[in-house]
Amino acid sequence: LMEKQSTPSKWGVMTCAPVEAGKNIRNAAGGKPLMEPRIELAQVIQAVEAAGDAFAYFYDRQTGETVCLPDPLITGLEDEPLVELLENSPGRFLPFPTRYEIHDYHIMADFVRSLPAGKAQAELEAAICSKGAFRRFKSGIRYHLLEQRWYTYRAEAYHKIALRWCEEHGFIPTGAEGMQGAGLPESHPLHG
């Protein structure tokens, strides 16, 4: 069994619910339907923020929880009961967007293109065009005092990704109020 894990996201901690093989599985005749029509938008955004190589995140349609599957080659952790449950329960688990579907580099490049023409845009454009792009971009937004603008832009991009995921999977996102600041570091002025 997977112990209850906390995995770091870029700006905080995401808690993944433990899953036991066979627990909460109900048959089609008398059980709760597998598809829940609503999902907390914050739950989806949190999975988007946490996307990385070390863990794969899934929405459990039966319990409404986010579960995470560690990559044993990266983390050294294995969760065979969860792997078995994922394999034996088609349709129960929906994968949240992966980092490859999120395209942080494209979000960063779109942000740079959204800036007014001038020195900051030109320097950031040059910074993201070669090795070390993320590090140089971060230095550049600090130098040009654009950090808050960047965090707001990225939070909006993650929000759109989360909404698109909900739409693709037939969910009605709930809890959209109070989402101002989602995806921002706690020290950011727009953070909840």
C-alpha atoms as a PDB file:
ATOM      1  CA  LEU A   1       0.000   0.000   0.000  1.00  0.00           C
ATOM      2  CA  MET A   2       1.086   3.505  -0.664  1.00  0.00           C
ATOM      3  CA  GLU A   3       1.534   5.491   2.492  1.00  0.00           C
ATOM      4  CA  LYS A   4      -0.106   8.888   2.486  1.00  0.00           C
ATOM      5  CA  GLN A   5       2.407  11.022   0.638  1.00  0.00           C
ATOM      6  CA  SER A   6       3.022  14.710   0.367  1.00  0.00           C
ATOM      7  CA  THR A   7       4.754  15.685  -2.816  1.00  0.00           C
ATOM      8  CA  PRO A   8       6.137  19.115  -3.488  1.00  0.00           C
ATOM      9  CA  SER A   9       4.616  21.238  -6.187  1.00  0.00           C
ATOM     10  CA  LYS A  10       6.371  24.329  -7.449  1.00  0.00           C
ATOM     11  CA  TRP A  11       4.878  26.497  -4.708  1.00  0.00           C
ATOM     12  CA  GLY A  12       3.619  24.214  -1.998  1.00  0.00           C
ATOM     13  CA  VAL A  13       2.678  20.713  -1.056  1.00  0.00           C
ATOM     14  CA  MET A  14       0.128  18.460  -2.677  1.00  0.00           C
ATOM     15  CA  THR A  15      -1.265  15.680  -0.563  1.00  0.00           C
ATOM     16  CA  CYS A  16      -2.147  12.511  -2.370  1.00  0.00           C
ATOM     17  CA  ALA A  17      -4.777  10.232  -0.962  1.00  0.00           C
ATOM     18  CA  PRO A  18      -3.785   6.645  -0.185  1.00  0.00           C
ATOM     19  CA  VAL A  19      -5.359   3.976  -2.320  1.00  0.00           C
ATOM     20  CA  GLU A  20      -5.883   0.392  -1.285  1.00  0.00           C
ATOM     21  CA  ALA A  21      -6.464  -2.246  -3.928  1.00  0.00           C
ATOM     22  CA  GLY A  22     -10.131  -3.156  -3.915  1.00  0.00           C
ATOM     23  CA  LYS A  23     -11.193  -0.463  -1.470  1.00  0.00           C
ATOM     24  CA  ASN A  24     -14.275   1.541  -2.448  1.00  0.00           C
ATOM     25  CA  ILE A  25     -14.894  -0.456  -5.610  1.00  0.00           C
ATOM     26  CA  ARG A  26     -18.609  -0.920  -6.139  1.00  0.00           C
ATOM     27  CA  ASN A  27     -20.342  -2.991  -8.731  1.00  0.00           C
ATOM     28  CA  ALA A  28     -22.483  -1.397 -11.398  1.00  0.00           C
ATOM     29  CA  ALA A  29     -25.709  -2.860  -9.959  1.00  0.00           C
ATOM     30  CA  GLY A  30     -25.650  -1.304  -6.497  1.00  0.00           C
ATOM     31  CA  GLY A  31     -22.724   1.041  -6.367  1.00  0.00           C
ATOM     32  CA  LYS A  32     -22.186   4.735  -6.669  1.00  0.00           C
ATOM     33  CA  PRO A  33     -21.801   5.799 -10.298  1.00  0.00           C
ATOM     34  CA  LEU A  34     -18.173   6.151 -11.364  1.00  0.00           C
ATOM     35  CA  MET A  35     -18.576   9.566 -13.001  1.00  0.00           C
ATOM     36  CA  GLU A  36     -19.046  12.595 -10.770  1.00  0.00           C
ATOM     37  CA  PRO A  37     -20.244  15.590 -12.768  1.00  0.00           C
ATOM     38  CA  ARG A  38     -18.516  18.192 -10.550  1.00  0.00           C
ATOM     39  CA  ILE A  39     -14.944  18.729  -9.419  1.00  0.00           C
ATOM     40  CA  GLU A  40     -13.265  21.413  -7.353  1.00  0.00           C
ATOM     41  CA  LEU A  41     -11.297  23.586  -9.752  1.00  0.00           C
ATOM     42  CA  ALA A  42      -8.608  24.046  -7.090  1.00  0.00           C
ATOM     43  CA  GLN A  43      -8.023  20.271  -7.118  1.00  0.00           C
ATOM     44  CA  VAL A  44      -7.360  20.317 -10.860  1.00  0.00           C
ATOM     45  CA  ILE A  45      -5.139  23.402 -10.648  1.00  0.00           C
ATOM     46  CA  GLN A  46      -3.145  21.795  -7.844  1.00  0.00           C
ATOM     47  CA  ALA A  47      -2.510  18.734 -10.034  1.00  0.00           C
ATOM     48  CA  VAL A  48      -1.464  21.005 -12.923  1.00  0.00           C
ATOM     49  CA  GLU A  49       0.965  22.863 -10.640  1.00  0.00           C
ATOM     50  CA  ALA A  50       2.436  19.615  -9.320  1.00  0.00           C
ATOM     51  CA  ALA A  51       2.943  18.032 -12.738  1.00  0.00           C
ATOM     52  CA  GLY A  52       6.448  16.706 -13.155  1.00  0.00           C
ATOM     53  CA  ASP A  53       8.444  13.612 -13.937  1.00  0.00           C
ATOM     54  CA  ALA A  54       8.454  12.008 -10.483  1.00  0.00           C
ATOM     55  CA  PHE A  55       4.705  11.416 -10.086  1.00  0.00           C
ATOM     56  CA  ALA A  56       1.693  10.886 -12.335  1.00  0.00           C
ATOM     57  CA  TYR A  57      -1.523  12.369 -10.961  1.00  0.00           C
ATOM     58  CA  PHE A  58      -4.981  10.890 -11.490  1.00  0.00           C
ATOM     59  CA  TYR A  59      -8.515  11.839 -10.543  1.00  0.00           C
ATOM     60  CA  ASP A  60     -10.383   8.928  -8.946  1.00  0.00           C
ATOM     61  CA  ARG A  61     -13.916   9.227 -10.294  1.00  0.00           C
ATOM     62  CA  GLN A  62     -15.223   6.940  -7.577  1.00  0.00           C
ATOM     63  CA  THR A  63     -13.797   8.688  -4.513  1.00  0.00           C
ATOM     64  CA  GLY A  64     -13.240  12.191  -5.906  1.00  0.00           C
ATOM     65  CA  GLU A  65      -9.653  12.167  -4.667  1.00  0.00           C
ATOM     66  CA  THR A  66      -6.393  12.907  -6.414  1.00  0.00           C
ATOM     67  CA  VAL A  67      -4.021   9.960  -6.342  1.00  0.00           C
ATOM     68  CA  CYS A  68      -0.411   9.988  -7.368  1.00  0.00           C
ATOM     69  CA  LEU A  69       1.634   7.203  -8.835  1.00  0.00           C
ATOM     70  CA  PRO A  70       5.368   7.506  -8.234  1.00  0.00           C
ATOM     71  CA  ASP A  71       7.803   6.760 -11.029  1.00  0.00           C
ATOM     72  CA  PRO A  72      10.002   4.120  -9.394  1.00  0.00           C
ATOM     73  CA  LEU A  73      12.980   4.971 -11.623  1.00  0.00           C
ATOM     74  CA  ILE A  74      12.982   8.559 -10.347  1.00  0.00           C
ATOM     75  CA  THR A  75      11.628   8.276  -6.811  1.00  0.00           C
ATOM     76  CA  GLY A  76      12.665   4.768  -5.837  1.00  0.00           C
ATOM     77  CA  LEU A  77       9.080   4.280  -4.630  1.00  0.00           C
ATOM     78  CA  GLU A  78       6.682   1.653  -5.927  1.00  0.00           C
ATOM     79  CA  ASP A  79       2.954   1.357  -5.425  1.00  0.00           C
ATOM     80  CA  GLU A  80       1.960  -2.007  -6.842  1.00  0.00           C
ATOM     81  CA  PRO A  81      -1.594  -1.934  -5.398  1.00  0.00           C
ATOM     82  CA  LEU A  82      -2.252   1.368  -7.166  1.00  0.00           C
ATOM     83  CA  VAL A  83      -0.718   0.100 -10.405  1.00  0.00           C
ATOM     84  CA  GLU A  84      -2.968  -2.961 -10.195  1.00  0.00           C
ATOM     85  CA  LEU A  85      -6.007  -0.812  -9.431  1.00  0.00           C
ATOM     86  CA  LEU A  86      -5.247   1.471 -12.390  1.00  0.00           C
ATOM     87  CA  GLU A  87      -4.901  -1.543 -14.700  1.00  0.00           C
ATOM     88  CA  ASN A  88      -8.017  -3.338 -13.423  1.00  0.00           C
ATOM     89  CA  SER A  89     -10.363  -0.348 -13.209  1.00  0.00           C
ATOM     90  CA  PRO A  90     -10.685   1.095 -16.717  1.00  0.00           C
ATOM     91  CA  GLY A  91     -12.550   4.377 -16.700  1.00  0.00           C
ATOM     92  CA  ARG A  92     -12.224   4.921 -12.970  1.00  0.00           C
ATOM     93  CA  PHE A  93      -9.059   7.029 -13.043  1.00  0.00           C
ATOM     94  CA  LEU A  94      -8.567  10.052 -15.269  1.00  0.00           C
ATOM     95  CA  PRO A  95      -5.021  11.313 -15.767  1.00  0.00           C
ATOM     96  CA  PHE A  96      -4.494  14.958 -14.964  1.00  0.00           C
ATOM     97  CA  PRO A  97      -2.394  16.921 -17.480  1.00  0.00           C
ATOM     98  CA  THR A  98       1.278  15.982 -17.542  1.00  0.00           C
ATOM     99  CA  ARG A  99       4.097  18.481 -17.705  1.00  0.00           C
ATOM    100  CA  TYR A 100       4.391  17.640 -21.410  1.00  0.00           C
ATOM    101  CA  GLU A 101       0.770  18.633 -21.956  1.00  0.00           C
ATOM    102  CA  ILE A 102       1.186  21.817 -19.922  1.00  0.00           C
ATOM    103  CA  HIS A 103       4.207  23.131 -21.871  1.00  0.00           C
ATOM    104  CA  ASP A 104       5.688  25.539 -19.310  1.00  0.00           C
ATOM    105  CA  TYR A 105       8.160  26.742 -21.938  1.00  0.00           C
ATOM    106  CA  HIS A 106       5.300  27.770 -24.244  1.00  0.00           C
ATOM    107  CA  ILE A 107       3.582  29.604 -21.387  1.00  0.00           C
ATOM    108  CA  MET A 108       6.848  31.430 -20.721  1.00  0.00           C
ATOM    109  CA  ALA A 109       7.320  32.290 -24.419  1.00  0.00           C
ATOM    110  CA  ASP A 110       3.707  33.489 -24.697  1.00  0.00           C
ATOM    111  CA  PHE A 111       4.276  35.720 -21.672  1.00  0.00           C
ATOM    112  CA  VAL A 112       7.339  37.275 -23.302  1.00  0.00           C
ATOM    113  CA  ARG A 113       5.379  37.883 -26.528  1.00  0.00           C
ATOM    114  CA  SER A 114       2.585  39.519 -24.494  1.00  0.00           C
ATOM    115  CA  LEU A 115       4.946  42.176 -23.161  1.00  0.00           C
ATOM    116  CA  PRO A 116       5.056  45.589 -24.853  1.00  0.00           C
ATOM    117  CA  ALA A 117       7.870  45.955 -27.373  1.00  0.00           C
ATOM    118  CA  GLY A 118      10.965  47.282 -25.718  1.00  0.00           C
ATOM    119  CA  LYS A 119      14.078  46.408 -23.760  1.00  0.00           C
ATOM    120  CA  ALA A 120      12.440  43.943 -21.334  1.00  0.00           C
ATOM    121  CA  GLN A 121      10.743  41.981 -24.105  1.00  0.00           C
ATOM    122  CA  ALA A 122      13.893  41.904 -26.247  1.00  0.00           C
ATOM    123  CA  GLU A 123      16.121  40.747 -23.370  1.00  0.00           C
ATOM    124  CA  LEU A 124      13.657  38.088 -22.210  1.00  0.00           C
ATOM    125  CA  GLU A 125      13.185  36.870 -25.796  1.00  0.00           C
ATOM    126  CA  ALA A 126      16.943  36.401 -26.082  1.00  0.00           C
ATOM    127  CA  ALA A 127      17.104  34.756 -22.643  1.00  0.00           C
ATOM    128  CA  ILE A 128      14.666  31.974 -23.506  1.00  0.00           C
ATOM    129  CA  CYS A 129      16.255  31.023 -26.820  1.00  0.00           C
ATOM    130  CA  SER A 130      19.136  28.879 -25.597  1.00  0.00           C
ATOM    131  CA  LYS A 131      20.370  26.579 -22.856  1.00  0.00           C
ATOM    132  CA  GLY A 132      19.386  27.664 -19.340  1.00  0.00           C
ATOM    133  CA  ALA A 133      16.245  29.394 -20.590  1.00  0.00           C
ATOM    134  CA  PHE A 134      14.233  28.947 -17.385  1.00  0.00           C
ATOM    135  CA  ARG A 135      17.040  30.219 -15.143  1.00  0.00           C
ATOM    136  CA  ARG A 136      17.783  33.219 -17.375  1.00  0.00           C
ATOM    137  CA  PHE A 137      14.059  33.973 -17.710  1.00  0.00           C
ATOM    138  CA  LYS A 138      13.678  33.986 -13.935  1.00  0.00           C
ATOM    139  CA  SER A 139      16.645  36.342 -13.570  1.00  0.00           C
ATOM    140  CA  GLY A 140      15.264  38.560 -16.317  1.00  0.00           C
ATOM    141  CA  ILE A 141      11.798  38.947 -14.832  1.00  0.00           C
ATOM    142  CA  ARG A 142      13.376  39.857 -11.502  1.00  0.00           C
ATOM    143  CA  TYR A 143      15.671  42.402 -13.121  1.00  0.00           C
ATOM    144  CA  HIS A 144      12.808  44.004 -15.060  1.00  0.00           C
ATOM    145  CA  LEU A 145      10.461  43.832 -12.038  1.00  0.00           C
ATOM    146  CA  LEU A 146       8.004  41.576 -13.880  1.00  0.00           C
ATOM    147  CA  GLU A 147       7.722  38.734 -11.344  1.00  0.00           C
ATOM    148  CA  GLN A 148       4.212  39.593 -10.181  1.00  0.00           C
ATOM    149  CA  ARG A 149       3.030  39.990 -13.746  1.00  0.00           C
ATOM    150  CA  TRP A 150       4.585  36.599 -14.624  1.00  0.00           C
ATOM    151  CA  TYR A 151       3.004  34.784 -11.682  1.00  0.00           C
ATOM    152  CA  THR A 152      -0.387  36.227 -12.577  1.00  0.00           C
ATOM    153  CA  TYR A 153       0.053  35.243 -16.226  1.00  0.00           C
ATOM    154  CA  ARG A 154       1.133  31.706 -15.325  1.00  0.00           C
ATOM    155  CA  ALA A 155      -1.731  31.300 -12.834  1.00  0.00           C
ATOM    156  CA  GLU A 156      -4.170  32.341 -15.555  1.00  0.00           C
ATOM    157  CA  ALA A 157      -2.596  29.840 -17.964  1.00  0.00           C
ATOM    158  CA  TYR A 158      -2.882  27.028 -15.392  1.00  0.00           C
ATOM    159  CA  HIS A 159      -6.482  28.069 -14.739  1.00  0.00           C
ATOM    160  CA  LYS A 160      -7.254  27.766 -18.473  1.00  0.00           C
ATOM    161  CA  ILE A 161      -5.545  24.362 -18.648  1.00  0.00           C
ATOM    162  CA  ALA A 162      -7.607  23.176 -15.672  1.00  0.00           C
ATOM    163  CA  LEU A 163     -10.839  24.452 -17.222  1.00  0.00           C
ATOM    164  CA  ARG A 164      -9.996  22.755 -20.523  1.00  0.00           C
ATOM    165  CA  TRP A 165      -9.314  19.462 -18.676  1.00  0.00           C
ATOM    166  CA  CYS A 166     -12.703  19.749 -16.934  1.00  0.00           C
ATOM    167  CA  GLU A 167     -14.459  20.414 -20.237  1.00  0.00           C
ATOM    168  CA  GLU A 168     -12.683  17.533 -22.010  1.00  0.00           C
ATOM    169  CA  HIS A 169     -13.762  15.121 -19.279  1.00  0.00           C
ATOM    170  CA  GLY A 170     -17.314  16.407 -18.839  1.00  0.00           C
ATOM    171  CA  PHE A 171     -16.881  17.968 -15.387  1.00  0.00           C
ATOM    172  CA  ILE A 172     -18.465  21.121 -14.096  1.00  0.00           C
ATOM    173  CA  PRO A 173     -15.731  22.955 -12.170  1.00  0.00           C
ATOM    174  CA  THR A 174     -16.808  24.242  -8.769  1.00  0.00           C
ATOM    175  CA  GLY A 175     -15.212  26.631  -6.329  1.00  0.00           C
ATOM    176  CA  ALA A 176     -14.037  29.032  -9.010  1.00  0.00           C
ATOM    177  CA  GLU A 177     -14.666  31.928  -6.629  1.00  0.00           C
ATOM    178  CA  GLY A 178     -11.635  32.548  -4.510  1.00  0.00           C
ATOM    179  CA  MET A 179      -9.337  31.228  -7.218  1.00  0.00           C
ATOM    180  CA  GLN A 180      -7.562  34.556  -7.459  1.00  0.00           C
ATOM    181  CA  GLY A 181      -3.972  33.789  -6.636  1.00  0.00           C
ATOM    182  CA  ALA A 182      -4.126  30.063  -7.378  1.00  0.00           C
ATOM    183  CA  GLY A 183      -0.765  28.979  -8.647  1.00  0.00           C
ATOM    184  CA  LEU A 184       1.060  31.861  -6.983  1.00  0.00           C
ATOM    185  CA  PRO A 185       3.658  31.567  -4.234  1.00  0.00           C
ATOM    186  CA  GLU A 186       2.329  32.361  -0.768  1.00  0.00           C
ATOM    187  CA  SER A 187       4.423  35.528  -0.673  1.00  0.00           C
ATOM    188  CA  HIS A 188       2.714  36.849  -3.815  1.00  0.00           C
ATOM    189  CA  PRO A 189       0.260  39.694  -3.088  1.00  0.00           C
ATOM    190  CA  LEU A 190      -2.542  38.063  -5.094  1.00  0.00           C
ATOM    191  CA  HIS A 191      -2.236  34.744  -3.256  1.00  0.00           C
ATOM    192  CA  GLY A 192      -5.414  33.872  -1.307  1.00  0.00           C
END
